[in-house]
Amino acid sequence: MLSGKPDNFPAPFSEQMICLPLNDDALARKLATAQAYDEIAAEVNSAIEAFGIEAFRIECFSRIHVRGKNDCQMPGTPFYEQYGEKKVASGLFQQVLRYREHVYPLAETLWTYIKRLS
């Protein structure tokens, strides 16, 4: 699902991210784990070939601001669903990960749990 160089983020995103460089052992584990997934191994190897190993040395996290469970709803079709549909059509994936079916119920459950704690 990589759609560009993995260590290149647009300014609005990069300004709000916490980025951590990986040491050699962590990078090796990250790449080995990604390559161990048969469904994406070829894509991972293509990305490494295209961008080089060093492009994967950084892990970035961005803060999200959720005020309520309705913040978890997304307009339109997420990119990962569109990508998944192509992979299912090509026979590489068996099922598309869907926001409404898979992600939103998890987000809603987590939100309910958080509300019970507060």
N, C-alpha and C. Protein backbone atom coordinates (compact mmCIF):
# COMPACT_ATOMS: atom_id res chain seq x y z
N MET A 1 0.82 -1.18 0.00
CA MET A 1 0.00 0.00 0.00
C MET A 1 0.87 1.25 0.00
N LEU A 2 2.13 1.08 -0.12
CA LEU A 2 3.04 2.21 -0.16
C LEU A 2 2.79 3.02 -1.42
N SER A 3 2.53 4.30 -1.25
CA SER A 3 2.22 5.13 -2.41
C SER A 3 3.28 6.21 -2.65
N GLY A 4 4.38 6.13 -1.96
CA GLY A 4 5.46 7.09 -2.13
C GLY A 4 6.62 6.72 -1.23
N LYS A 5 7.65 7.52 -1.27
CA LYS A 5 8.83 7.27 -0.44
C LYS A 5 8.42 7.28 1.03
N PRO A 6 8.72 6.22 1.77
CA PRO A 6 8.20 6.08 3.13
C PRO A 6 8.73 7.08 4.15
N ASP A 7 9.82 7.74 3.86
CA ASP A 7 10.36 8.70 4.83
C ASP A 7 10.15 10.14 4.38
N ASN A 8 9.21 10.36 3.46
CA ASN A 8 8.95 11.69 2.94
C ASN A 8 7.49 12.06 3.22
N PHE A 9 7.28 12.98 4.15
CA PHE A 9 5.93 13.37 4.54
C PHE A 9 5.68 14.82 4.16
N PRO A 10 4.47 15.14 3.72
CA PRO A 10 4.14 16.55 3.46
C PRO A 10 4.26 17.37 4.75
N ALA A 11 4.60 18.63 4.61
CA ALA A 11 4.84 19.50 5.77
C ALA A 11 3.71 19.48 6.80
N PRO A 12 2.44 19.58 6.42
CA PRO A 12 1.41 19.59 7.47
C PRO A 12 1.44 18.35 8.35
N PHE A 13 1.82 17.21 7.78
CA PHE A 13 1.88 15.98 8.56
C PHE A 13 3.16 15.92 9.38
N SER A 14 4.28 16.21 8.75
CA SER A 14 5.57 16.05 9.42
C SER A 14 5.72 16.99 10.62
N GLU A 15 5.06 18.14 10.57
CA GLU A 15 5.16 19.09 11.68
C GLU A 15 4.43 18.58 12.92
N GLN A 16 3.51 17.66 12.75
CA GLN A 16 2.73 17.15 13.87
C GLN A 16 3.14 15.73 14.27
N MET A 17 4.22 15.24 13.72
CA MET A 17 4.62 13.86 13.97
C MET A 17 5.78 13.76 14.94
N ILE A 18 5.80 12.64 15.62
CA ILE A 18 6.96 12.25 16.41
C ILE A 18 7.64 11.14 15.62
N CYS A 19 8.87 11.36 15.23
CA CYS A 19 9.59 10.38 14.42
C CYS A 19 10.78 9.83 15.19
N LEU A 20 10.90 8.53 15.16
CA LEU A 20 11.97 7.85 15.88
C LEU A 20 12.83 7.06 14.91
N PRO A 21 14.13 7.29 14.94
CA PRO A 21 15.01 6.49 14.08
C PRO A 21 15.19 5.10 14.68
N LEU A 22 15.25 4.10 13.83
CA LEU A 22 15.45 2.73 14.28
C LEU A 22 16.93 2.38 14.23
N ASN A 23 17.38 1.66 15.25
CA ASN A 23 18.76 1.17 15.20
C ASN A 23 18.81 -0.02 14.24
N ASP A 24 19.99 -0.54 13.99
CA ASP A 24 20.14 -1.61 13.01
C ASP A 24 19.31 -2.84 13.35
N ASP A 25 19.27 -3.22 14.62
CA ASP A 25 18.50 -4.41 15.02
C ASP A 25 17.00 -4.19 14.80
N ALA A 26 16.50 -3.03 15.19
CA ALA A 26 15.07 -2.74 15.03
C ALA A 26 14.69 -2.68 13.56
N LEU A 27 15.55 -2.07 12.75
CA LEU A 27 15.28 -2.00 11.31
C LEU A 27 15.26 -3.41 10.71
N ALA A 28 16.19 -4.24 11.10
CA ALA A 28 16.24 -5.61 10.59
C ALA A 28 14.97 -6.37 10.97
N ARG A 29 14.50 -6.20 12.22
CA ARG A 29 13.26 -6.86 12.65
C ARG A 29 12.06 -6.34 11.87
N LYS A 30 12.02 -5.04 11.67
CA LYS A 30 10.91 -4.43 10.92
C LYS A 30 10.84 -5.01 9.51
N LEU A 31 11.97 -5.03 8.83
CA LEU A 31 11.99 -5.53 7.45
C LEU A 31 11.72 -7.03 7.39
N ALA A 32 12.28 -7.78 8.32
CA ALA A 32 12.04 -9.23 8.34
C ALA A 32 10.57 -9.54 8.58
N THR A 33 9.95 -8.79 9.47
CA THR A 33 8.53 -9.00 9.75
C THR A 33 7.69 -8.68 8.52
N ALA A 34 7.98 -7.57 7.88
CA ALA A 34 7.23 -7.20 6.67
C ALA A 34 7.43 -8.23 5.56
N GLN A 35 8.64 -8.71 5.40
CA GLN A 35 8.93 -9.68 4.34
C GLN A 35 8.36 -11.07 4.66
N ALA A 36 8.05 -11.32 5.91
CA ALA A 36 7.51 -12.62 6.31
C ALA A 36 6.03 -12.77 5.93
N TYR A 37 5.36 -11.67 5.66
CA TYR A 37 3.96 -11.74 5.22
C TYR A 37 3.95 -12.05 3.73
N ASP A 38 3.57 -13.27 3.39
CA ASP A 38 3.58 -13.69 1.99
C ASP A 38 2.78 -12.76 1.09
N GLU A 39 1.66 -12.25 1.62
CA GLU A 39 0.77 -11.42 0.81
C GLU A 39 1.42 -10.11 0.37
N ILE A 40 2.38 -9.62 1.12
CA ILE A 40 2.98 -8.33 0.77
C ILE A 40 4.49 -8.40 0.55
N ALA A 41 5.07 -9.59 0.64
CA ALA A 41 6.53 -9.72 0.54
C ALA A 41 7.08 -9.13 -0.76
N ALA A 42 6.43 -9.40 -1.87
CA ALA A 42 6.91 -8.87 -3.15
C ALA A 42 6.84 -7.35 -3.18
N GLU A 43 5.77 -6.81 -2.61
CA GLU A 43 5.62 -5.35 -2.56
C GLU A 43 6.68 -4.72 -1.65
N VAL A 44 6.94 -5.37 -0.53
CA VAL A 44 7.98 -4.88 0.39
C VAL A 44 9.33 -4.87 -0.31
N ASN A 45 9.64 -5.96 -0.97
CA ASN A 45 10.93 -6.05 -1.67
C ASN A 45 11.04 -5.02 -2.79
N SER A 46 9.94 -4.78 -3.50
CA SER A 46 9.95 -3.76 -4.55
C SER A 46 10.19 -2.37 -3.96
N ALA A 47 9.57 -2.10 -2.80
CA ALA A 47 9.76 -0.80 -2.15
C ALA A 47 11.20 -0.63 -1.67
N ILE A 48 11.77 -1.69 -1.13
CA ILE A 48 13.17 -1.62 -0.69
C ILE A 48 14.07 -1.37 -1.89
N GLU A 49 13.78 -2.04 -2.98
CA GLU A 49 14.58 -1.85 -4.20
C GLU A 49 14.43 -0.42 -4.74
N ALA A 50 13.22 0.11 -4.68
CA ALA A 50 12.95 1.45 -5.22
C ALA A 50 13.51 2.56 -4.34
N PHE A 51 13.38 2.41 -3.02
CA PHE A 51 13.71 3.52 -2.12
C PHE A 51 14.95 3.28 -1.26
N GLY A 52 15.42 2.04 -1.20
CA GLY A 52 16.57 1.72 -0.36
C GLY A 52 16.14 1.42 1.07
N ILE A 53 16.94 0.66 1.75
CA ILE A 53 16.63 0.24 3.12
C ILE A 53 16.54 1.43 4.07
N GLU A 54 17.40 2.42 3.88
CA GLU A 54 17.44 3.55 4.82
C GLU A 54 16.12 4.32 4.88
N ALA A 55 15.35 4.29 3.82
CA ALA A 55 14.06 4.99 3.81
C ALA A 55 13.09 4.40 4.83
N PHE A 56 13.36 3.19 5.29
CA PHE A 56 12.48 2.51 6.25
C PHE A 56 13.01 2.56 7.68
N ARG A 57 14.07 3.30 7.89
CA ARG A 57 14.72 3.36 9.20
C ARG A 57 13.95 4.22 10.20
N ILE A 58 12.97 4.93 9.78
CA ILE A 58 12.26 5.84 10.68
C ILE A 58 10.83 5.37 10.91
N GLU A 59 10.37 5.51 12.14
CA GLU A 59 8.97 5.23 12.49
C GLU A 59 8.37 6.54 12.96
N CYS A 60 7.25 6.90 12.37
CA CYS A 60 6.61 8.17 12.72
C CYS A 60 5.21 7.93 13.26
N PHE A 61 4.87 8.72 14.25
CA PHE A 61 3.58 8.63 14.90
C PHE A 61 2.96 10.02 14.92
N SER A 62 1.67 10.07 14.69
CA SER A 62 1.01 11.37 14.75
C SER A 62 -0.08 11.33 15.80
N ARG A 63 -0.26 12.44 16.44
CA ARG A 63 -1.28 12.57 17.48
C ARG A 63 -2.64 12.70 16.81
N ILE A 64 -3.61 12.07 17.38
CA ILE A 64 -4.97 12.25 16.89
C ILE A 64 -5.80 12.87 18.00
N HIS A 65 -6.76 13.64 17.62
CA HIS A 65 -7.63 14.30 18.59
C HIS A 65 -9.04 13.77 18.38
N VAL A 66 -9.47 12.93 19.28
CA VAL A 66 -10.81 12.36 19.20
C VAL A 66 -11.61 12.91 20.37
N ARG A 67 -12.68 13.60 20.04
CA ARG A 67 -13.53 14.18 21.07
C ARG A 67 -14.73 13.29 21.38
N GLY A 68 -15.05 12.40 20.48
CA GLY A 68 -16.19 11.51 20.66
C GLY A 68 -16.16 10.42 19.62
N LYS A 69 -17.01 9.43 19.79
CA LYS A 69 -16.96 8.30 18.87
C LYS A 69 -17.31 8.68 17.44
N ASN A 70 -18.06 9.76 17.25
CA ASN A 70 -18.40 10.18 15.89
C ASN A 70 -17.19 10.73 15.14
N ASP A 71 -16.14 11.10 15.86
CA ASP A 71 -14.91 11.55 15.20
C ASP A 71 -14.25 10.40 14.45
N CYS A 72 -14.63 9.18 14.77
CA CYS A 72 -14.03 8.01 14.14
C CYS A 72 -14.65 7.70 12.79
N GLN A 73 -15.71 8.38 12.42
CA GLN A 73 -16.34 8.12 11.14
C GLN A 73 -15.58 8.85 10.04
N MET A 74 -15.50 8.20 8.89
CA MET A 74 -14.74 8.77 7.78
C MET A 74 -15.66 9.02 6.59
N PRO A 75 -15.50 10.18 5.95
CA PRO A 75 -16.26 10.41 4.73
C PRO A 75 -15.56 9.72 3.55
N GLY A 76 -16.32 9.22 2.62
CA GLY A 76 -15.74 8.62 1.43
C GLY A 76 -15.10 7.27 1.69
N THR A 77 -14.47 6.74 0.67
CA THR A 77 -13.81 5.44 0.76
C THR A 77 -12.33 5.65 1.06
N PRO A 78 -11.85 5.10 2.17
CA PRO A 78 -10.43 5.26 2.51
C PRO A 78 -9.52 4.65 1.44
N PHE A 79 -8.33 5.20 1.34
CA PHE A 79 -7.36 4.72 0.36
C PHE A 79 -7.08 3.23 0.53
N TYR A 80 -6.94 2.78 1.78
CA TYR A 80 -6.59 1.38 2.00
C TYR A 80 -7.69 0.44 1.51
N GLU A 81 -8.95 0.89 1.52
CA GLU A 81 -10.03 0.06 0.97
C GLU A 81 -9.92 -0.02 -0.55
N GLN A 82 -9.66 1.11 -1.17
CA GLN A 82 -9.51 1.13 -2.63
C GLN A 82 -8.35 0.23 -3.05
N TYR A 83 -7.27 0.32 -2.31
CA TYR A 83 -6.09 -0.50 -2.58
C TYR A 83 -6.42 -1.98 -2.38
N GLY A 84 -7.11 -2.28 -1.28
CA GLY A 84 -7.51 -3.65 -0.99
C GLY A 84 -8.41 -4.23 -2.06
N GLU A 85 -9.30 -3.42 -2.59
CA GLU A 85 -10.19 -3.88 -3.66
C GLU A 85 -9.38 -4.32 -4.88
N LYS A 86 -8.34 -3.57 -5.20
CA LYS A 86 -7.48 -3.95 -6.33
C LYS A 86 -6.75 -5.26 -6.05
N LYS A 87 -6.29 -5.43 -4.81
CA LYS A 87 -5.57 -6.65 -4.46
C LYS A 87 -6.51 -7.86 -4.46
N VAL A 88 -7.74 -7.69 -4.03
CA VAL A 88 -8.72 -8.78 -4.07
C VAL A 88 -9.02 -9.12 -5.53
N ALA A 89 -9.21 -8.10 -6.35
CA ALA A 89 -9.51 -8.33 -7.77
C ALA A 89 -8.36 -9.07 -8.47
N SER A 90 -7.13 -8.81 -8.02
CA SER A 90 -5.97 -9.47 -8.64
C SER A 90 -5.75 -10.87 -8.08
N GLY A 91 -6.49 -11.21 -7.01
CA GLY A 91 -6.35 -12.53 -6.41
C GLY A 91 -5.30 -12.60 -5.32
N LEU A 92 -4.65 -11.49 -5.01
CA LEU A 92 -3.60 -11.50 -3.99
C LEU A 92 -4.18 -11.54 -2.58
N PHE A 93 -5.25 -10.80 -2.35
CA PHE A 93 -5.92 -10.79 -1.05
C PHE A 93 -7.25 -11.53 -1.18
N GLN A 94 -7.70 -12.10 -0.08
CA GLN A 94 -9.00 -12.77 -0.07
C GLN A 94 -10.12 -11.83 0.32
N GLN A 95 -9.80 -10.80 1.09
CA GLN A 95 -10.83 -9.93 1.63
C GLN A 95 -10.29 -8.51 1.77
N VAL A 96 -11.18 -7.55 1.61
CA VAL A 96 -10.82 -6.14 1.78
C VAL A 96 -11.07 -5.75 3.23
N LEU A 97 -10.11 -5.09 3.83
CA LEU A 97 -10.29 -4.53 5.17
C LEU A 97 -11.17 -3.30 5.00
N ARG A 98 -12.36 -3.34 5.58
CA ARG A 98 -13.34 -2.27 5.42
C ARG A 98 -13.45 -1.43 6.69
N TYR A 99 -13.54 -0.14 6.49
CA TYR A 99 -13.69 0.76 7.63
C TYR A 99 -14.95 0.44 8.41
N ARG A 100 -16.08 0.42 7.75
CA ARG A 100 -17.37 0.21 8.43
C ARG A 100 -17.46 -1.16 9.09
N GLU A 101 -16.93 -2.19 8.44
CA GLU A 101 -17.05 -3.55 8.97
C GLU A 101 -15.99 -3.89 10.00
N HIS A 102 -14.79 -3.37 9.83
CA HIS A 102 -13.66 -3.82 10.65
C HIS A 102 -13.09 -2.74 11.57
N VAL A 103 -12.84 -1.57 11.04
CA VAL A 103 -12.16 -0.53 11.81
C VAL A 103 -13.12 0.20 12.75
N TYR A 104 -14.26 0.64 12.22
CA TYR A 104 -15.19 1.41 13.05
C TYR A 104 -15.69 0.64 14.26
N PRO A 105 -16.08 -0.63 14.13
CA PRO A 105 -16.51 -1.36 15.34
C PRO A 105 -15.42 -1.41 16.41
N LEU A 106 -14.18 -1.55 16.00
CA LEU A 106 -13.08 -1.54 16.97
C LEU A 106 -12.96 -0.17 17.62
N ALA A 107 -13.01 0.88 16.82
CA ALA A 107 -12.92 2.24 17.35
C ALA A 107 -14.08 2.52 18.31
N GLU A 108 -15.26 2.07 17.95
CA GLU A 108 -16.43 2.28 18.80
C GLU A 108 -16.29 1.53 20.13
N THR A 109 -15.78 0.32 20.07
CA THR A 109 -15.56 -0.47 21.29
C THR A 109 -14.53 0.20 22.19
N LEU A 110 -13.45 0.67 21.58
CA LEU A 110 -12.43 1.37 22.37
C LEU A 110 -13.00 2.64 22.99
N TRP A 111 -13.80 3.38 22.23
CA TRP A 111 -14.39 4.61 22.75
C TRP A 111 -15.30 4.30 23.94
N THR A 112 -16.10 3.26 23.83
CA THR A 112 -16.99 2.86 24.92
C THR A 112 -16.18 2.49 26.15
N TYR A 113 -15.10 1.77 25.95
CA TYR A 113 -14.23 1.37 27.05
C TYR A 113 -13.61 2.60 27.73
N ILE A 114 -13.14 3.53 26.93
CA ILE A 114 -12.53 4.75 27.48
C ILE A 114 -13.55 5.54 28.29
N LYS A 115 -14.76 5.63 27.78
CA LYS A 115 -15.81 6.38 28.50
C LYS A 115 -16.13 5.72 29.84
N ARG A 116 -16.08 4.39 29.89
CA ARG A 116 -16.34 3.69 31.16
C ARG A 116 -15.24 3.96 32.17
N LEU A 117 -14.03 4.17 31.70
CA LEU A 117 -12.91 4.43 32.61
C LEU A 117 -12.95 5.84 33.19
N SER A 118 -13.56 6.75 32.46
CA SER A 118 -13.53 8.15 32.91
C SER A 118 -14.72 8.51 33.76
